[in-house]
Protein backbone atom coordinates (compact mmCIF):
# COMPACT_ATOMS: atom_id res chain seq x y z
CA MET A 1 0.01 0.00 0.01
CA VAL A 2 1.04 3.57 -0.63
CA GLU A 3 0.47 4.50 3.03
CA SER A 4 2.81 1.76 4.20
CA ALA A 5 5.47 2.89 1.75
CA ILE A 6 5.20 6.49 3.00
CA PHE A 7 5.44 5.36 6.63
CA GLY A 8 8.41 3.12 5.81
CA GLN A 9 10.21 5.91 4.00
CA ALA A 10 9.66 8.31 6.91
CA MET A 11 10.97 5.72 9.38
CA ARG A 12 14.07 5.16 7.26
CA GLU A 13 14.69 8.90 7.25
CA TYR A 14 14.29 9.21 11.03
CA LEU A 15 16.31 6.09 11.84
CA ARG A 16 19.34 6.97 9.79
CA PRO A 17 22.39 6.59 12.03
CA ARG A 18 23.43 10.15 11.33
CA ARG A 19 20.15 11.42 12.77
CA LEU A 20 19.57 8.87 15.50
CA LEU A 21 23.01 8.27 17.05
CA PRO A 22 23.37 11.76 18.58
CA TRP A 23 20.10 11.23 20.42
CA LEU A 24 21.16 7.81 21.66
CA ALA A 25 24.41 9.39 22.88
CA LEU A 26 22.38 12.00 24.74
CA ALA A 27 20.23 9.21 26.22
CA ALA A 28 23.42 7.57 27.45
CA VAL A 29 24.16 10.75 29.41
CA CYS A 30 21.11 9.84 31.53
CA LEU A 31 22.87 6.62 32.51
CA VAL A 32 26.05 8.45 33.44
CA LEU A 33 24.26 11.19 35.36
CA ALA A 34 22.10 8.72 37.29
CA SER A 35 25.16 6.65 38.15
CA LEU A 36 27.11 9.66 39.37
CA TRP A 37 24.21 11.23 41.27
CA ARG A 38 25.20 9.41 44.46
CA GLN A 39 28.41 11.52 44.45
CA LEU A 40 26.42 14.71 43.89
CA GLU A 41 23.86 13.87 46.59
CA PRO A 42 25.18 11.05 48.83
CA GLY A 43 22.00 10.77 50.89
CA ALA A 44 19.65 10.35 47.95
CA THR A 45 17.84 7.04 47.49
CA ALA A 46 17.77 5.21 44.14
CA GLN A 47 14.23 6.49 43.58
CA GLN A 48 15.29 10.09 44.24
CA ARG A 49 18.25 9.74 41.89
CA TYR A 50 16.00 8.43 39.15
CA MET A 51 13.34 11.12 39.72
CA ASN A 52 15.91 13.90 39.51
CA VAL A 53 17.48 12.63 36.27
CA SER A 54 14.04 11.89 34.82
CA SER A 55 12.70 15.38 35.46
CA ILE A 56 15.89 17.25 34.65
CA LEU A 57 16.99 15.38 31.51
CA VAL A 58 14.68 12.60 30.26
CA PHE A 59 11.59 14.78 29.81
CA ARG A 60 13.73 17.55 28.31
CA ILE A 61 15.07 15.07 25.78
CA LEU A 62 11.47 14.15 24.96
CA ALA A 63 10.54 17.77 24.22
CA LEU A 64 13.68 18.58 22.26
CA VAL A 65 13.76 15.45 20.09
CA SER A 66 10.06 15.97 19.34
CA ALA A 67 10.74 19.56 18.30
CA ILE A 68 13.48 18.52 15.89
CA PHE A 69 11.84 15.46 14.36
CA THR A 70 8.33 16.89 14.13
CA THR A 71 9.25 20.21 12.58
CA ALA A 72 11.15 18.29 9.92
CA ILE A 73 7.91 16.70 8.65
CA VAL A 74 7.09 19.72 6.51
CA SER A 75 9.65 22.48 7.03
CA GLN A 76 12.59 20.29 6.10
CA GLU A 77 10.88 19.37 2.82
CA VAL A 78 10.20 23.04 2.13
CA GLU A 79 13.78 24.12 2.89
CA GLN A 80 15.31 21.24 0.90
CA ARG A 81 12.93 21.99 -1.98
CA THR A 82 11.52 18.45 -1.99
CA ILE A 83 8.03 19.45 -0.88
CA VAL A 84 6.79 19.36 -4.51
CA TYR A 85 7.80 15.72 -4.87
CA LEU A 86 6.29 14.85 -1.51
CA LEU A 87 2.92 16.30 -2.47
CA THR A 88 2.78 14.42 -5.75
CA ARG A 89 2.29 11.14 -3.89
CA PRO A 90 -1.05 9.48 -4.73
CA VAL A 91 -2.45 9.94 -1.25
CA GLN A 92 -4.56 12.65 0.34
CA ARG A 93 -2.61 15.44 1.95
CA TRP A 94 -4.06 15.07 5.44
CA LYS A 95 -3.29 11.38 5.40
CA LEU A 96 0.27 12.03 4.22
CA LEU A 97 0.81 14.49 7.07
CA LEU A 98 -0.57 12.17 9.74
CA ILE A 99 1.41 9.18 8.51
CA ARG A 100 4.65 11.11 8.75
CA TYR A 101 3.56 12.47 12.13
CA GLY A 102 2.97 8.90 13.34
CA ALA A 103 6.48 7.90 12.27
CA SER A 104 8.02 10.84 14.13
CA VAL A 105 6.01 10.06 17.28
CA LEU A 106 7.22 6.46 17.21
CA VAL A 107 10.88 7.48 16.98
CA VAL A 108 10.50 10.23 19.63
CA ALA A 109 8.84 7.78 22.04
CA LEU A 110 11.54 5.20 21.39
CA VAL A 111 14.40 7.61 22.12
CA SER A 112 12.68 8.89 25.26
CA LEU A 113 11.98 5.40 26.59
CA ILE A 114 15.61 4.40 26.02
CA ALA A 115 16.71 7.50 27.95
CA ALA A 116 14.34 6.60 30.83
CA ALA A 117 15.49 2.99 30.85
CA LEU A 118 19.13 4.05 31.01
CA ALA A 119 18.39 6.50 33.82
CA SER A 120 16.67 3.71 35.70
CA PHE A 121 19.60 1.39 35.08
CA GLY A 122 22.07 3.92 36.43
CA ALA A 123 20.01 4.98 39.44
CA TYR A 124 19.23 1.42 40.54
CA SER A 125 22.79 0.13 39.98
CA GLY A 126 21.98 -2.18 37.13
CA ARG A 127 18.58 -3.31 38.50
CA PRO A 128 16.14 -1.25 36.41
CA LEU A 129 13.23 -3.60 37.15
CA SER A 130 13.43 -2.47 40.78
CA ASN A 131 12.19 0.96 39.75
CA PRO A 132 8.48 1.34 40.64
CA LEU A 133 8.24 4.63 38.75
CA PHE A 134 9.35 3.44 35.33
CA LEU A 135 6.03 2.21 33.97
CA LYS A 136 4.16 5.41 34.75
CA ASP A 137 7.04 7.42 33.34
CA ALA A 138 6.83 5.31 30.20
CA GLU A 139 3.11 6.17 29.93
CA ALA A 140 3.87 9.85 30.35
CA LEU A 141 6.63 9.76 27.74
CA ILE A 142 4.45 8.07 25.15
CA VAL A 143 1.56 10.52 25.78
CA GLY A 144 4.10 13.34 25.68
CA ALA A 145 5.44 12.20 22.31
CA PHE A 146 1.93 12.54 20.86
CA ALA A 147 1.17 15.86 22.62
CA TYR A 148 4.46 17.63 21.87
CA GLY A 149 4.36 16.28 18.34
CA ALA A 150 0.87 17.63 17.70
CA LEU A 151 1.80 21.08 19.04
CA PHE A 152 5.10 21.28 17.14
CA LEU A 153 3.48 20.03 13.92
CA PHE A 154 0.90 22.78 14.10
CA VAL A 155 3.59 25.41 14.76
CA SER A 156 5.67 24.12 11.83
CA LEU A 157 2.72 24.69 9.48
CA LEU A 158 2.29 28.27 10.63
CA PHE A 159 5.84 29.58 10.75
CA ASN A 160 9.04 29.42 8.75
CA ARG A 161 12.03 28.36 10.86
CA ALA A 162 9.60 26.78 13.28
CA LEU A 163 12.41 24.80 14.90
CA ILE A 164 13.63 27.91 16.68
CA ILE A 165 10.19 28.55 18.16
CA CYS A 166 9.73 24.94 19.20
CA ALA A 167 13.20 24.66 20.73
CA LEU A 168 12.57 27.84 22.77
CA PHE A 169 9.29 26.34 23.92
CA ALA A 170 10.95 23.03 24.88
CA PHE A 171 13.79 24.58 26.85
CA GLY A 172 12.48 28.00 27.84
CA TRP A 173 8.75 27.81 28.36
CA GLU A 174 8.59 24.21 29.57
CA ALA A 175 11.57 24.59 31.89
CA SER A 176 10.18 27.65 33.67
CA ILE A 177 6.39 27.87 33.45
CA SER A 178 5.84 24.80 35.66
CA ASN A 179 7.64 26.69 38.47
CA MET A 180 5.39 29.75 38.21
CA PRO A 181 3.00 30.59 41.05
CA GLY A 182 -0.75 30.30 40.73
CA GLU A 183 -2.34 28.42 37.85
CA MET A 184 0.33 29.20 35.23
CA TYR A 185 1.63 25.65 35.36
CA ARG A 186 -1.56 24.52 33.57
CA MET A 187 -0.15 26.10 30.39
CA SER A 188 2.75 23.65 30.31
CA ILE A 189 2.60 20.17 28.75
CA PHE A 190 5.29 19.09 31.18
CA SER A 191 2.99 19.78 34.13
CA TYR A 192 0.44 17.35 32.73
CA LEU A 193 3.13 14.75 32.11
CA GLN A 194 4.25 15.13 35.70
CA ALA A 195 0.65 14.44 36.79
CA ILE A 196 0.60 11.26 34.69
CA ALA A 197 3.98 10.12 36.04
CA GLU A 198 2.85 10.75 39.65
CA HIS A 199 6.31 11.23 41.11
CA PRO A 200 6.13 11.40 44.91
CA ASN A 201 7.01 14.72 46.53
CA THR A 202 10.54 14.89 47.97
CA GLU A 203 12.50 17.66 49.61
CA SER A 204 15.19 19.17 47.42
CA ASN A 205 17.15 22.40 47.20
CA ARG A 206 15.54 25.24 45.33
CA LEU A 207 18.01 25.21 42.45
CA LEU A 208 17.40 21.54 41.80
CA GLY A 209 13.69 22.06 42.17
CA PHE A 210 13.72 24.89 39.65
CA ILE A 211 15.73 22.89 37.10
CA SER A 212 13.43 19.90 37.44
CA GLY A 213 10.27 22.05 37.38
CA ALA A 214 9.18 20.94 40.84
CA LEU A 215 8.83 24.32 42.59
CA GLY A 216 5.26 25.04 41.51
CA ASP A 217 2.13 23.52 42.95
CA ASN A 218 0.76 20.91 40.57
CA ALA A 219 -2.87 20.13 41.42
CA ILE A 220 -3.65 18.34 38.16
CA SER A 221 -5.06 14.86 38.60
CA ARG A 222 -3.84 11.93 36.51
CA GLY A 223 -7.22 11.51 34.83
CA SER A 224 -7.52 15.19 34.07
CA ALA A 225 -3.99 15.21 32.62
CA TYR A 226 -4.81 12.34 30.28
CA THR A 227 -8.05 13.96 29.15
CA THR A 228 -6.47 17.37 28.55
CA LEU A 229 -3.55 16.05 26.54
CA ILE A 230 -5.68 13.69 24.46
CA VAL A 231 -8.15 16.46 23.58
CA MET A 232 -5.32 18.89 22.83
CA THR A 233 -3.61 16.33 20.59
CA VAL A 234 -6.76 15.46 18.63
CA VAL A 235 -7.74 19.11 18.14
CA LEU A 236 -4.29 20.21 17.00
CA LEU A 237 -3.94 17.26 14.63
CA GLY A 238 -7.38 18.02 13.16
CA ILE A 239 -6.49 21.68 12.61
CA SER A 240 -3.08 20.75 11.18
CA ALA A 241 -4.58 18.25 8.76
CA TRP A 242 -7.13 20.82 7.56
CA TRP A 243 -4.48 23.54 7.28
CA PHE A 244 -2.10 21.35 5.29
CA THR A 245 -4.92 20.44 2.91
CA GLN A 246 -6.04 24.02 2.34
CA PHE A 247 -2.77 25.87 1.87
CA GLU A 248 0.02 25.57 -0.64
CA TYR A 249 3.59 24.81 0.37
CA VAL A 250 6.36 25.68 -2.07
CA PRO A 251 10.15 25.40 -1.88
CA ARG A 252 11.90 28.24 -0.07
CA GLU A 253 13.84 30.34 -2.55
CA ASP A 254 16.22 31.54 0.18
CA ALA A 255 17.05 28.00 1.37
CA GLU A 256 20.71 27.14 0.92
C-alpha cells in the first residue's frame, strides 16, 4: 500500500544513524548522570536519583527530540525543496501528514523510553526492574510524544524556521512555566506529564527544584492530565490536517 510505503520511507529517514546516534548518545548521558548522582547527593535514594534525572533530563530530551523530528515533517521538505515531490504522492494530503507524524512520534517515544530505561539502570545500579516509577514514566513519555508532536506540527505549518520557536518552547517555556505561582503551570505540557507520572514529593534544594520544574504547585489529577492532553492532541492534529490540505507549500527560494 502507498500509506505503508510512505510510513516506511519516513521511518528510514528518522532512523538513519546520522540522525539517530546523537540522540542515543544523549540518552546515554542519563545513564552516566544517574550513576554519578550518588556523588552529587550522597544521601539520595535510588528512587530520588531516578526522579531527579528523569525530570531534569529525560523529559527535556522528549521535548527537544520531538521539536526537531516533528518540525522536519514539513519544514525540512520546504527548505530542501523536496516538498513538490512529496505532495505528488497518490495519497490525500491530510493522510500524508498524519502518517509522517505517526512515524516521528514512534521514533520520539523510542528515544525517550531508552533514555528513561538508561536513567533507571544507572539509578538502581543495574537493577532497572526495581524501579516502581518506570512504567508510569513510560506512559507519560508516550503521551508526551503525541502531545508535543501535535503542538510542534501545528507550529511548523504556521511559521518558517519553526524549529527555533519549538526549541525555545521546549527549553524555555517548559523549563520555567511549571515553576510559576498560581495556575500558570496549567499552560505547560510538562505539568500534565508530571501528573501522569505521579512522582512522589521529595525535599530538594531550590536550584534543583527549579531545574526539574518541581517548585510550583501541581494540582492536576492523573485522569484530568490524560483527558487534557488527548483532547489537545486530537484538536491540534485536526487543525493541522485541515491547514495542510487548504494551503500551498512551495520550496523556499532563500534556502541554501
